[in-house]
């Protein structure tokens, strides 16, 4: 009997994809390749940046006088960024294959991909749960951040300058160190779980557990490169936010495309079935 298309090959049911060797300098190469992908499809790439920049501006407008909430919301936003960058991964994959990176590709990414996942009910709902987990982690950090700043700050925090004076530059107490440490405790495991998982789930027919474990395997195999990558993502994101979010218009698509190249450089997917077929060549 012919095996249904949605069934994973038996030999790959529990196996993790091998992790490739990686030079330290390749981390910076990802940014260069990401920028090249932006230049290849500037309209759609920058559209992603504009959407997220406007979202960040909207969050700031809503919480501009409640910086205790704003600090957690903006930093928690980074936790779910790998999910939001899914269509950027799809564009980089199309560019790599020589296919068209257009609006039809993005529509197919979010519709055809989900339709195929529904044929594998367990994988579909596992993916939904994984996305919800990232969202809950971000929400949990917003609540924790707000509680810490509100309860432990010596003065009310309403504006960014209040946060700098009474939290970052406070001479007494360790509120900023505690806030930063707890943020790292949340962000690093979520980064390790998703940095490879999301592009792998888009690209290959693997379970969510396989994708998450492969992501952790990549981080543990190349800890220096992954810490550097996490630092660059955080630094560039802060720069983008610090330019009244205008910098995010370029930074977001560059980082999204670059994350695809990070996945391709680290994970050997030669034994894994493709999740979606290649576009028909004209």
Protein backbone atom coordinates (compact mmCIF):
# COMPACT_ATOMS: atom_id res chain seq x y z
CA UNK A 1 0.00 0.00 0.00
CA UNK A 2 1.29 3.45 -0.88
CA UNK A 3 2.17 5.52 2.16
CA UNK A 4 0.14 8.77 2.48
CA UNK A 5 2.11 11.89 1.61
CA UNK A 6 1.69 13.40 5.04
CA UNK A 7 3.41 10.48 6.80
CA UNK A 8 7.00 11.04 7.79
CA UNK A 9 9.53 8.52 6.51
CA UNK A 10 10.12 5.80 9.06
CA UNK A 11 13.87 6.33 9.24
CA UNK A 12 13.32 9.99 10.11
CA UNK A 13 10.48 9.55 12.59
CA UNK A 14 12.69 10.11 15.62
CA UNK A 15 16.06 11.09 14.15
CA UNK A 16 17.54 14.56 14.43
CA UNK A 17 19.18 16.20 11.46
CA UNK A 18 22.98 16.40 11.78
CA UNK A 19 24.55 19.76 12.63
CA UNK A 20 27.20 21.02 10.23
CA UNK A 21 30.57 22.52 11.23
CA UNK A 22 30.43 26.29 11.52
CA UNK A 23 33.09 28.99 11.39
CA UNK A 24 32.80 31.96 13.75
CA UNK A 25 32.88 34.37 10.83
CA UNK A 26 29.77 32.77 9.28
CA UNK A 27 27.60 34.62 11.77
CA UNK A 28 28.43 37.92 10.07
CA UNK A 29 28.04 36.27 6.67
CA UNK A 30 24.39 35.60 7.54
CA UNK A 31 23.77 39.34 7.86
CA UNK A 32 25.37 39.97 4.48
CA UNK A 33 23.28 37.24 2.83
CA UNK A 34 20.18 38.56 4.57
CA UNK A 35 20.83 42.04 3.18
CA UNK A 36 21.30 40.58 -0.30
CA UNK A 37 17.92 38.84 -0.02
CA UNK A 38 16.34 42.18 0.92
CA UNK A 39 17.84 43.72 -2.23
CA UNK A 40 16.52 40.78 -4.27
CA UNK A 41 12.93 41.40 -3.16
CA UNK A 42 12.94 44.86 -1.56
CA UNK A 43 9.23 45.58 -1.75
CA UNK A 44 7.95 42.54 0.14
CA UNK A 45 10.94 42.40 2.47
CA UNK A 46 10.59 46.01 3.58
CA UNK A 47 6.82 45.55 3.88
CA UNK A 48 7.51 43.12 6.75
CA UNK A 49 9.72 45.74 8.35
CA UNK A 50 7.06 48.42 8.01
CA UNK A 51 4.40 46.18 9.54
CA UNK A 52 6.52 45.38 12.58
CA UNK A 53 7.72 48.99 12.90
CA UNK A 54 4.12 50.19 12.92
CA UNK A 55 3.24 47.48 15.44
CA UNK A 56 6.09 48.64 17.69
CA UNK A 57 4.98 52.25 17.30
CA UNK A 58 1.44 51.20 18.21
CA UNK A 59 2.64 49.47 21.36
CA UNK A 60 4.63 52.58 22.28
CA UNK A 61 1.65 54.86 21.68
CA UNK A 62 -0.56 52.65 23.85
CA UNK A 63 1.94 52.43 26.72
CA UNK A 64 3.89 55.68 26.28
CA UNK A 65 3.01 56.86 29.81
CA UNK A 66 3.35 53.40 31.37
CA UNK A 67 6.97 52.53 30.67
CA UNK A 68 6.84 49.70 33.21
CA UNK A 69 4.51 48.01 30.71
CA UNK A 70 6.29 49.25 27.58
CA UNK A 71 9.68 47.78 28.56
CA UNK A 72 8.22 44.30 28.97
CA UNK A 73 6.01 44.50 25.89
CA UNK A 74 8.81 45.52 23.53
CA UNK A 75 11.29 42.98 24.89
CA UNK A 76 8.64 40.24 24.92
CA UNK A 77 7.93 41.10 21.30
CA UNK A 78 11.38 39.71 20.43
CA UNK A 79 10.42 36.31 21.87
CA UNK A 80 7.77 35.69 19.20
CA UNK A 81 9.78 37.24 16.35
CA UNK A 82 10.78 33.83 14.85
CA UNK A 83 7.11 33.00 14.23
CA UNK A 84 6.41 36.40 12.69
CA UNK A 85 9.40 35.97 10.34
CA UNK A 86 8.05 32.78 8.75
CA UNK A 87 7.23 34.41 5.42
CA UNK A 88 10.72 35.95 5.28
CA UNK A 89 12.13 32.42 5.59
CA UNK A 90 9.88 31.35 2.72
CA UNK A 91 11.15 34.23 0.58
CA UNK A 92 14.79 33.34 1.23
CA UNK A 93 14.06 29.72 0.37
CA UNK A 94 12.47 30.78 -2.92
CA UNK A 95 15.42 33.04 -3.75
CA UNK A 96 17.81 30.19 -2.97
CA UNK A 97 15.90 27.87 -5.31
CA UNK A 98 15.60 30.44 -8.08
CA UNK A 99 11.82 30.62 -7.62
CA UNK A 100 9.68 33.76 -7.53
CA UNK A 101 9.56 35.61 -4.20
CA UNK A 102 6.25 37.41 -4.66
CA UNK A 103 2.94 37.96 -2.88
CA UNK A 104 1.59 34.65 -4.21
CA UNK A 105 4.44 32.90 -2.39
CA UNK A 106 3.50 34.56 0.89
CA UNK A 107 -0.15 33.63 0.50
CA UNK A 108 0.78 30.03 -0.28
CA UNK A 109 3.13 29.97 2.70
CA UNK A 110 0.39 30.81 5.19
CA UNK A 111 -2.44 28.86 3.51
CA UNK A 112 -1.00 25.86 1.68
CA UNK A 113 1.46 25.15 4.51
CA UNK A 114 -1.30 25.16 7.11
CA UNK A 115 -3.60 23.05 4.88
CA UNK A 116 -0.91 20.43 4.51
CA UNK A 117 -0.26 20.45 8.23
CA UNK A 118 -3.93 19.78 8.85
CA UNK A 119 -3.53 16.45 7.08
CA UNK A 120 -1.16 15.55 9.91
CA UNK A 121 -3.39 16.53 12.83
CA UNK A 122 -0.82 15.84 15.55
CA UNK A 123 1.85 17.98 13.86
CA UNK A 124 -0.65 20.75 13.14
CA UNK A 125 -1.86 21.08 16.71
CA UNK A 126 1.66 20.66 18.07
CA UNK A 127 2.73 23.60 15.92
CA UNK A 128 -0.21 25.64 17.20
CA UNK A 129 0.77 24.76 20.77
CA UNK A 130 4.36 25.77 20.07
CA UNK A 131 3.23 29.15 18.76
CA UNK A 132 0.95 29.61 21.77
CA UNK A 133 3.84 28.71 24.06
CA UNK A 134 5.95 31.48 22.56
CA UNK A 135 3.05 33.88 22.93
CA UNK A 136 2.46 32.86 26.55
CA UNK A 137 6.18 33.25 27.27
CA UNK A 138 6.07 36.79 25.89
CA UNK A 139 2.93 37.56 27.91
CA UNK A 140 4.49 36.10 31.05
CA UNK A 141 7.53 38.29 30.59
CA UNK A 142 5.36 41.40 30.14
CA UNK A 143 3.56 40.66 33.42
CA UNK A 144 6.78 39.80 35.26
CA UNK A 145 8.57 42.88 33.93
CA UNK A 146 5.67 45.16 34.86
CA UNK A 147 5.46 43.69 38.38
CA UNK A 148 9.20 44.01 39.00
CA UNK A 149 9.45 47.60 37.82
CA UNK A 150 6.26 48.70 39.55
CA UNK A 151 6.91 47.03 42.90
CA UNK A 152 10.68 47.43 43.26
CA UNK A 153 11.40 50.79 41.66
CA UNK A 154 12.03 53.53 44.25
CA UNK A 155 10.09 56.01 42.11
CA UNK A 156 7.10 55.69 39.78
CA UNK A 157 8.16 54.81 36.22
CA UNK A 158 6.19 56.60 33.53
CA UNK A 159 8.67 57.55 30.80
CA UNK A 160 11.87 56.16 29.27
CA UNK A 161 13.85 58.81 31.17
CA UNK A 162 12.27 57.62 34.43
CA UNK A 163 13.39 54.09 33.57
CA UNK A 164 16.96 55.25 32.86
CA UNK A 165 17.23 57.36 36.03
CA UNK A 166 15.45 55.13 38.54
CA UNK A 167 16.20 51.64 37.17
CA UNK A 168 19.24 51.62 34.87
CA UNK A 169 21.29 54.27 36.74
CA UNK A 170 19.92 53.66 40.23
CA UNK A 171 22.70 53.83 42.82
CA UNK A 172 20.92 51.60 45.30
CA UNK A 173 19.38 48.22 44.70
CA UNK A 174 19.79 45.81 41.84
CA UNK A 175 16.50 46.20 40.02
CA UNK A 176 18.06 46.60 36.58
CA UNK A 177 20.32 43.58 37.10
CA UNK A 178 17.37 41.47 38.32
CA UNK A 179 15.20 42.66 35.41
CA UNK A 180 17.93 41.91 32.87
CA UNK A 181 18.76 38.54 34.44
CA UNK A 182 15.15 37.35 34.46
CA UNK A 183 14.77 38.50 30.87
CA UNK A 184 17.80 36.42 29.90
CA UNK A 185 16.48 33.39 31.81
CA UNK A 186 13.32 33.56 29.70
CA UNK A 187 14.82 34.66 26.38
CA UNK A 188 17.75 32.26 26.07
CA UNK A 189 15.74 29.00 26.33
CA UNK A 190 13.10 30.39 23.98
CA UNK A 191 15.82 31.47 21.54
CA UNK A 192 17.42 28.03 21.73
CA UNK A 193 14.06 26.36 21.12
CA UNK A 194 13.02 28.46 18.14
CA UNK A 195 16.10 29.81 16.34
CA UNK A 196 16.28 26.74 14.07
CA UNK A 197 12.86 25.23 14.77
CA UNK A 198 10.72 27.67 12.81
CA UNK A 199 12.65 27.64 9.50
CA UNK A 200 13.06 23.86 9.82
CA UNK A 201 9.31 23.38 10.32
CA UNK A 202 8.65 25.54 7.27
CA UNK A 203 11.17 23.71 5.11
CA UNK A 204 11.01 20.02 6.07
CA UNK A 205 8.51 17.40 7.16
CA UNK A 206 9.53 17.07 10.79
CA UNK A 207 7.58 17.07 14.02
CA UNK A 208 7.67 20.05 16.35
CA UNK A 209 9.65 17.97 18.87
CA UNK A 210 12.26 17.13 16.24
CA UNK A 211 12.49 20.79 15.23
CA UNK A 212 12.90 22.04 18.80
CA UNK A 213 15.47 19.37 19.69
CA UNK A 214 17.39 20.11 16.49
CA UNK A 215 17.39 23.79 17.43
CA UNK A 216 18.81 22.98 20.87
CA UNK A 217 21.34 20.64 19.27
CA UNK A 218 22.55 23.48 17.02
CA UNK A 219 22.88 25.86 19.97
CA UNK A 220 24.76 23.33 22.11
CA UNK A 221 27.03 22.35 19.19
CA UNK A 222 27.94 25.97 18.39
CA UNK A 223 27.41 27.89 21.66
CA UNK A 224 29.78 30.76 20.84
CA UNK A 225 28.27 31.42 17.43
CA UNK A 226 24.73 31.18 18.77
CA UNK A 227 25.44 33.53 21.68
CA UNK A 228 26.98 35.96 19.21
CA UNK A 229 23.95 35.61 16.95
CA UNK A 230 21.57 36.21 19.87
CA UNK A 231 23.61 39.28 20.88
CA UNK A 232 23.55 40.70 17.33
CA UNK A 233 19.80 40.13 17.06
CA UNK A 234 19.23 41.90 20.40
CA UNK A 235 21.63 44.74 19.58
CA UNK A 236 20.18 45.42 16.14
CA UNK A 237 16.64 45.20 17.52
CA UNK A 238 17.46 47.79 20.20
CA UNK A 239 19.03 50.03 17.55
CA UNK A 240 15.88 49.67 15.45
CA UNK A 241 13.64 50.58 18.36
CA UNK A 242 15.91 53.45 19.33
CA UNK A 243 15.43 55.10 15.93
CA UNK A 244 11.71 55.62 16.61
CA UNK A 245 11.23 52.17 15.03
CA UNK A 246 12.25 53.39 11.57
CA UNK A 247 15.41 51.28 11.71
CA UNK A 248 13.23 48.18 12.06
CA UNK A 249 12.00 48.70 8.50
CA UNK A 250 15.38 47.42 7.28
CA UNK A 251 16.63 45.52 10.33
CA UNK A 252 13.63 43.17 10.62
CA UNK A 253 13.82 41.79 7.06
CA UNK A 254 17.62 41.54 7.19
CA UNK A 255 17.44 39.52 10.42
CA UNK A 256 14.59 37.38 9.11
CA UNK A 257 16.39 36.49 5.89
CA UNK A 258 19.66 36.03 7.77
CA UNK A 259 17.99 33.55 10.14
CA UNK A 260 17.13 31.40 7.14
CA UNK A 261 20.79 31.33 6.12
CA UNK A 262 21.76 30.46 9.71
CA UNK A 263 19.46 27.44 9.50
CA UNK A 264 20.82 26.40 6.10
CA UNK A 265 24.43 26.72 7.24
CA UNK A 266 23.92 24.68 10.40
CA UNK A 267 21.43 21.90 9.64
CA UNK A 268 22.03 19.05 7.21
CA UNK A 269 18.55 18.40 5.81
CA UNK A 270 19.60 16.06 2.99
CA UNK A 271 17.75 13.09 4.55
CA UNK A 272 14.57 15.01 5.38
CA UNK A 273 11.55 15.27 3.09
CA UNK A 274 10.60 18.74 1.88
CA UNK A 275 7.38 20.02 3.37
CA UNK A 276 6.20 21.97 0.31
CA UNK A 277 6.97 21.24 -3.34
CA UNK A 278 9.15 23.53 -5.42
CA UNK A 279 7.41 25.94 -7.73
CA UNK A 280 6.94 24.78 -11.28
CA UNK A 281 9.57 26.37 -13.47
CA UNK A 282 8.28 28.33 -16.48
